[in-house]
Each structure stands twice: as C-alpha cells, then as structure tokens.
Amino acid sequence: MTQLLSLFNQVFGNQTKSNDLEQFINSHTPNSHQQVDELTREYLYHYTTLRGFKS
C-alpha cells in the first residue's frame, strides 16, 4: 500500500509543481519567450532548491 501511495505521489506530485510554475509565470505576465525562460530559471532556483533544504 505504501508503494502505491508513493507511486501516486510521484505521478501527481509533478503536476502540482508544473501548475505552480505556470501560475508563477502567468502572475508576472511575460511578453517574450526570453522572459518565460528567465522566470522559469528564477522559479526553479528559488522555489525548488529552497524547498529541498526545508524538507
């Protein structure tokens, strides 16, 4: 049962991260692909690495 829950978390947990990233980008209303790339890097640096240290 624990393995099944872990599998669900891996599959559906990534969607949450994707949704968070999408919301972060949309909240800044980028005007170009370059801005989207910059926001993606900023999100990944600030939100995924910092969360990793807190866990």
PDB file of N, CA and C in Angstrom:
ATOM      1  N   MET A   1       0.820  -1.194   0.000  1.00  0.00           N
ATOM      2  CA  MET A   1       0.000   0.000   0.000  1.00  0.00           C
ATOM      3  C   MET A   1       0.864   1.257   0.000  1.00  0.00           C
ATOM      4  N   THR A   2       1.938   1.244   0.783  1.00  0.00           N
ATOM      5  CA  THR A   2       2.837   2.401   0.847  1.00  0.00           C
ATOM      6  C   THR A   2       3.486   2.663  -0.498  1.00  0.00           C
ATOM      7  N   GLN A   3       3.851   1.597  -1.203  1.00  0.00           N
ATOM      8  CA  GLN A   3       4.458   1.754  -2.520  1.00  0.00           C
ATOM      9  C   GLN A   3       3.465   2.363  -3.510  1.00  0.00           C
ATOM     10  N   LEU A   4       2.225   1.974  -3.411  1.00  0.00           N
ATOM     11  CA  LEU A   4       1.196   2.517  -4.291  1.00  0.00           C
ATOM     12  C   LEU A   4       1.010   4.010  -4.029  1.00  0.00           C
ATOM     13  N   LEU A   5       0.960   4.405  -2.767  1.00  0.00           N
ATOM     14  CA  LEU A   5       0.833   5.825  -2.436  1.00  0.00           C
ATOM     15  C   LEU A   5       2.049   6.615  -2.910  1.00  0.00           C
ATOM     16  N   SER A   6       3.212   6.035  -2.782  1.00  0.00           N
ATOM     17  CA  SER A   6       4.429   6.677  -3.251  1.00  0.00           C
ATOM     18  C   SER A   6       4.391   6.871  -4.768  1.00  0.00           C
ATOM     19  N   LEU A   7       3.912   5.874  -5.482  1.00  0.00           N
ATOM     20  CA  LEU A   7       3.788   5.966  -6.933  1.00  0.00           C
ATOM     21  C   LEU A   7       2.811   7.073  -7.325  1.00  0.00           C
ATOM     22  N   PHE A   8       1.667   7.135  -6.654  1.00  0.00           N
ATOM     23  CA  PHE A   8       0.695   8.202  -6.936  1.00  0.00           C
ATOM     24  C   PHE A   8       1.308   9.575  -6.673  1.00  0.00           C
ATOM     25  N   ASN A   9       2.058   9.691  -5.604  1.00  0.00           N
ATOM     26  CA  ASN A   9       2.685  10.964  -5.275  1.00  0.00           C
ATOM     27  C   ASN A   9       3.685  11.378  -6.347  1.00  0.00           C
ATOM     28  N   GLN A  10       4.439  10.435  -6.870  1.00  0.00           N
ATOM     29  CA  GLN A  10       5.402  10.744  -7.926  1.00  0.00           C
ATOM     30  C   GLN A  10       4.702  11.186  -9.200  1.00  0.00           C
ATOM     31  N   VAL A  11       3.621  10.515  -9.535  1.00  0.00           N
ATOM     32  CA  VAL A  11       2.905  10.824 -10.773  1.00  0.00           C
ATOM     33  C   VAL A  11       2.169  12.147 -10.648  1.00  0.00           C
ATOM     34  N   PHE A  12       1.418  12.331  -9.583  1.00  0.00           N
ATOM     35  CA  PHE A  12       0.577  13.510  -9.455  1.00  0.00           C
ATOM     36  C   PHE A  12       1.293  14.677  -8.791  1.00  0.00           C
ATOM     37  N   GLY A  13       2.353  14.422  -8.078  1.00  0.00           N
ATOM     38  CA  GLY A  13       3.120  15.494  -7.445  1.00  0.00           C
ATOM     39  C   GLY A  13       3.777  16.402  -8.460  1.00  0.00           C
ATOM     40  N   ASN A  14       4.220  15.853  -9.575  1.00  0.00           N
ATOM     41  CA  ASN A  14       4.844  16.657 -10.609  1.00  0.00           C
ATOM     42  C   ASN A  14       3.862  17.622 -11.242  1.00  0.00           C
ATOM     43  N   GLN A  15       2.599  17.250 -11.324  1.00  0.00           N
ATOM     44  CA  GLN A  15       1.599  18.148 -11.877  1.00  0.00           C
ATOM     45  C   GLN A  15       1.441  19.375 -10.989  1.00  0.00           C
ATOM     46  N   THR A  16       1.542  19.187  -9.704  1.00  0.00           N
ATOM     47  CA  THR A  16       1.433  20.318  -8.789  1.00  0.00           C
ATOM     48  C   THR A  16       2.570  21.286  -9.017  1.00  0.00           C
ATOM     49  N   LYS A  17       3.779  20.778  -9.171  1.00  0.00           N
ATOM     50  CA  LYS A  17       4.927  21.635  -9.444  1.00  0.00           C
ATOM     51  C   LYS A  17       4.745  22.360 -10.777  1.00  0.00           C
ATOM     52  N   SER A  18       4.252  21.656 -11.769  1.00  0.00           N
ATOM     53  CA  SER A  18       4.015  22.276 -13.073  1.00  0.00           C
ATOM     54  C   SER A  18       2.967  23.370 -12.962  1.00  0.00           C
ATOM     55  N   ASN A  19       1.906  23.117 -12.207  1.00  0.00           N
ATOM     56  CA  ASN A  19       0.864  24.122 -12.025  1.00  0.00           C
ATOM     57  C   ASN A  19       1.398  25.330 -11.270  1.00  0.00           C
ATOM     58  N   ASP A  20       2.227  25.099 -10.264  1.00  0.00           N
ATOM     59  CA  ASP A  20       2.827  26.202  -9.515  1.00  0.00           C
ATOM     60  C   ASP A  20       3.711  27.048 -10.424  1.00  0.00           C
ATOM     61  N   LEU A  21       4.495  26.400 -11.244  1.00  0.00           N
ATOM     62  CA  LEU A  21       5.364  27.109 -12.181  1.00  0.00           C
ATOM     63  C   LEU A  21       4.534  27.925 -13.161  1.00  0.00           C
ATOM     64  N   GLU A  22       3.501  27.324 -13.693  1.00  0.00           N
ATOM     65  CA  GLU A  22       2.648  28.026 -14.648  1.00  0.00           C
ATOM     66  C   GLU A  22       1.999  29.246 -13.997  1.00  0.00           C
ATOM     67  N   GLN A  23       1.512  29.104 -12.789  1.00  0.00           N
ATOM     68  CA  GLN A  23       0.905  30.235 -12.084  1.00  0.00           C
ATOM     69  C   GLN A  23       1.933  31.329 -11.807  1.00  0.00           C
ATOM     70  N   PHE A  24       3.150  30.930 -11.443  1.00  0.00           N
ATOM     71  CA  PHE A  24       4.216  31.894 -11.184  1.00  0.00           C
ATOM     72  C   PHE A  24       4.517  32.691 -12.445  1.00  0.00           C
ATOM     73  N   ILE A  25       4.656  32.009 -13.559  1.00  0.00           N
ATOM     74  CA  ILE A  25       4.952  32.691 -14.824  1.00  0.00           C
ATOM     75  C   ILE A  25       3.803  33.607 -15.219  1.00  0.00           C
ATOM     76  N   ASN A  26       2.581  33.112 -15.150  1.00  0.00           N
ATOM     77  CA  ASN A  26       1.421  33.916 -15.531  1.00  0.00           C
ATOM     78  C   ASN A  26       1.252  35.144 -14.645  1.00  0.00           C
ATOM     79  N   SER A  27       1.623  35.036 -13.387  1.00  0.00           N
ATOM     80  CA  SER A  27       1.470  36.170 -12.470  1.00  0.00           C
ATOM     81  C   SER A  27       2.401  37.331 -12.834  1.00  0.00           C
ATOM     82  N   HIS A  28       3.463  37.037 -13.581  1.00  0.00           N
ATOM     83  CA  HIS A  28       4.400  38.079 -13.993  1.00  0.00           C
ATOM     84  C   HIS A  28       4.113  38.597 -15.414  1.00  0.00           C
ATOM     85  N   THR A  29       3.115  38.062 -16.059  1.00  0.00           N
ATOM     86  CA  THR A  29       2.708  38.431 -17.430  1.00  0.00           C
ATOM     87  C   THR A  29       3.896  38.707 -18.357  1.00  0.00           C
ATOM     88  N   PRO A  30       4.631  37.662 -18.693  1.00  0.00           N
ATOM     89  CA  PRO A  30       5.787  37.846 -19.574  1.00  0.00           C
ATOM     90  C   PRO A  30       5.348  38.239 -20.989  1.00  0.00           C
ATOM     91  N   ASN A  31       6.231  38.991 -21.655  1.00  0.00           N
ATOM     92  CA  ASN A  31       5.947  39.463 -23.011  1.00  0.00           C
ATOM     93  C   ASN A  31       6.773  38.766 -24.079  1.00  0.00           C
ATOM     94  N   SER A  32       7.666  37.877 -23.673  1.00  0.00           N
ATOM     95  CA  SER A  32       8.519  37.195 -24.649  1.00  0.00           C
ATOM     96  C   SER A  32       8.928  35.827 -24.124  1.00  0.00           C
ATOM     97  N   HIS A  33       9.468  35.037 -25.032  1.00  0.00           N
ATOM     98  CA  HIS A  33       9.974  33.715 -24.635  1.00  0.00           C
ATOM     99  C   HIS A  33      11.161  33.863 -23.686  1.00  0.00           C
ATOM    100  N   GLN A  34      11.955  34.905 -23.906  1.00  0.00           N
ATOM    101  CA  GLN A  34      13.102  35.139 -23.034  1.00  0.00           C
ATOM    102  C   GLN A  34      12.656  35.383 -21.599  1.00  0.00           C
ATOM    103  N   GLN A  35      11.600  36.155 -21.417  1.00  0.00           N
ATOM    104  CA  GLN A  35      11.091  36.397 -20.076  1.00  0.00           C
ATOM    105  C   GLN A  35      10.553  35.124 -19.442  1.00  0.00           C
ATOM    106  N   VAL A  36       9.920  34.282 -20.234  1.00  0.00           N
ATOM    107  CA  VAL A  36       9.432  32.996 -19.718  1.00  0.00           C
ATOM    108  C   VAL A  36      10.611  32.150 -19.254  1.00  0.00           C
ATOM    109  N   ASP A  37      11.675  32.120 -20.044  1.00  0.00           N
ATOM    110  CA  ASP A  37      12.877  31.366 -19.661  1.00  0.00           C
ATOM    111  C   ASP A  37      13.476  31.907 -18.362  1.00  0.00           C
ATOM    112  N   GLU A  38      13.559  33.226 -18.246  1.00  0.00           N
ATOM    113  CA  GLU A  38      14.118  33.836 -17.039  1.00  0.00           C
ATOM    114  C   GLU A  38      13.257  33.529 -15.815  1.00  0.00           C
ATOM    115  N   LEU A  39      11.950  33.623 -15.985  1.00  0.00           N
ATOM    116  CA  LEU A  39      11.051  33.323 -14.872  1.00  0.00           C
ATOM    117  C   LEU A  39      11.122  31.855 -14.477  1.00  0.00           C
ATOM    118  N   THR A  40      11.263  30.981 -15.457  1.00  0.00           N
ATOM    119  CA  THR A  40      11.401  29.551 -15.169  1.00  0.00           C
ATOM    120  C   THR A  40      12.651  29.293 -14.357  1.00  0.00           C
ATOM    121  N   ARG A  41      13.768  29.893 -14.767  1.00  0.00           N
ATOM    122  CA  ARG A  41      15.017  29.722 -14.011  1.00  0.00           C
ATOM    123  C   ARG A  41      14.892  30.286 -12.600  1.00  0.00           C
ATOM    124  N   GLU A  42      14.257  31.455 -12.488  1.00  0.00           N
ATOM    125  CA  GLU A  42      14.069  32.061 -11.168  1.00  0.00           C
ATOM    126  C   GLU A  42      13.223  31.161 -10.271  1.00  0.00           C
ATOM    127  N   TYR A  43      12.143  30.644 -10.820  1.00  0.00           N
ATOM    128  CA  TYR A  43      11.275  29.749 -10.051  1.00  0.00           C
ATOM    129  C   TYR A  43      12.038  28.510  -9.608  1.00  0.00           C
ATOM    130  N   LEU A  44      12.726  27.885 -10.532  1.00  0.00           N
ATOM    131  CA  LEU A  44      13.448  26.660 -10.201  1.00  0.00           C
ATOM    132  C   LEU A  44      14.522  26.909  -9.153  1.00  0.00           C
ATOM    133  N   TYR A  45      15.196  28.032  -9.254  1.00  0.00           N
ATOM    134  CA  TYR A  45      16.246  28.327  -8.286  1.00  0.00           C
ATOM    135  C   TYR A  45      15.668  28.630  -6.906  1.00  0.00           C
ATOM    136  N   HIS A  46      14.697  29.514  -6.851  1.00  0.00           N
ATOM    137  CA  HIS A  46      14.194  29.981  -5.556  1.00  0.00           C
ATOM    138  C   HIS A  46      13.219  29.009  -4.893  1.00  0.00           C
ATOM    139  N   TYR A  47      12.395  28.353  -5.674  1.00  0.00           N
ATOM    140  CA  TYR A  47      11.321  27.574  -5.069  1.00  0.00           C
ATOM    141  C   TYR A  47      11.615  26.092  -4.961  1.00  0.00           C
ATOM    142  N   THR A  48      12.412  25.544  -5.860  1.00  0.00           N
ATOM    143  CA  THR A  48      12.683  24.105  -5.734  1.00  0.00           C
ATOM    144  C   THR A  48      13.902  23.844  -4.864  1.00  0.00           C
ATOM    145  N   THR A  49      14.953  24.663  -4.965  1.00  0.00           N
ATOM    146  CA  THR A  49      16.138  24.401  -4.141  1.00  0.00           C
ATOM    147  C   THR A  49      15.879  24.773  -2.697  1.00  0.00           C
ATOM    148  N   LEU A  50      15.160  25.869  -2.438  1.00  0.00           N
ATOM    149  CA  LEU A  50      14.886  26.246  -1.061  1.00  0.00           C
ATOM    150  C   LEU A  50      13.939  25.266  -0.388  1.00  0.00           C
ATOM    151  N   ARG A  51      12.967  24.775  -1.113  1.00  0.00           N
ATOM    152  CA  ARG A  51      12.050  23.798  -0.544  1.00  0.00           C
ATOM    153  C   ARG A  51      12.771  22.498  -0.235  1.00  0.00           C
ATOM    154  N   GLY A  52      13.758  22.159  -1.055  1.00  0.00           N
ATOM    155  CA  GLY A  52      14.526  20.936  -0.833  1.00  0.00           C
ATOM    156  C   GLY A  52      15.288  20.982   0.476  1.00  0.00           C
ATOM    157  N   PHE A  53      15.786  22.166   0.855  1.00  0.00           N
ATOM    158  CA  PHE A  53      16.525  22.293   2.094  1.00  0.00           C
ATOM    159  C   PHE A  53      15.608  22.250   3.298  1.00  0.00           C
ATOM    160  N   LYS A  54      14.372  22.705   3.151  1.00  0.00           N
ATOM    161  CA  LYS A  54      13.439  22.730   4.275  1.00  0.00           C
ATOM    162  C   LYS A  54      12.919  21.339   4.601  1.00  0.00           C
ATOM    163  N   SER A  55      12.856  20.458   3.618  1.00  0.00           N
ATOM    164  CA  SER A  55      12.274  19.129   3.837  1.00  0.00           C
ATOM    165  C   SER A  55      13.143  18.250   4.677  1.00  0.00           C
TER     166      SER A  55
END
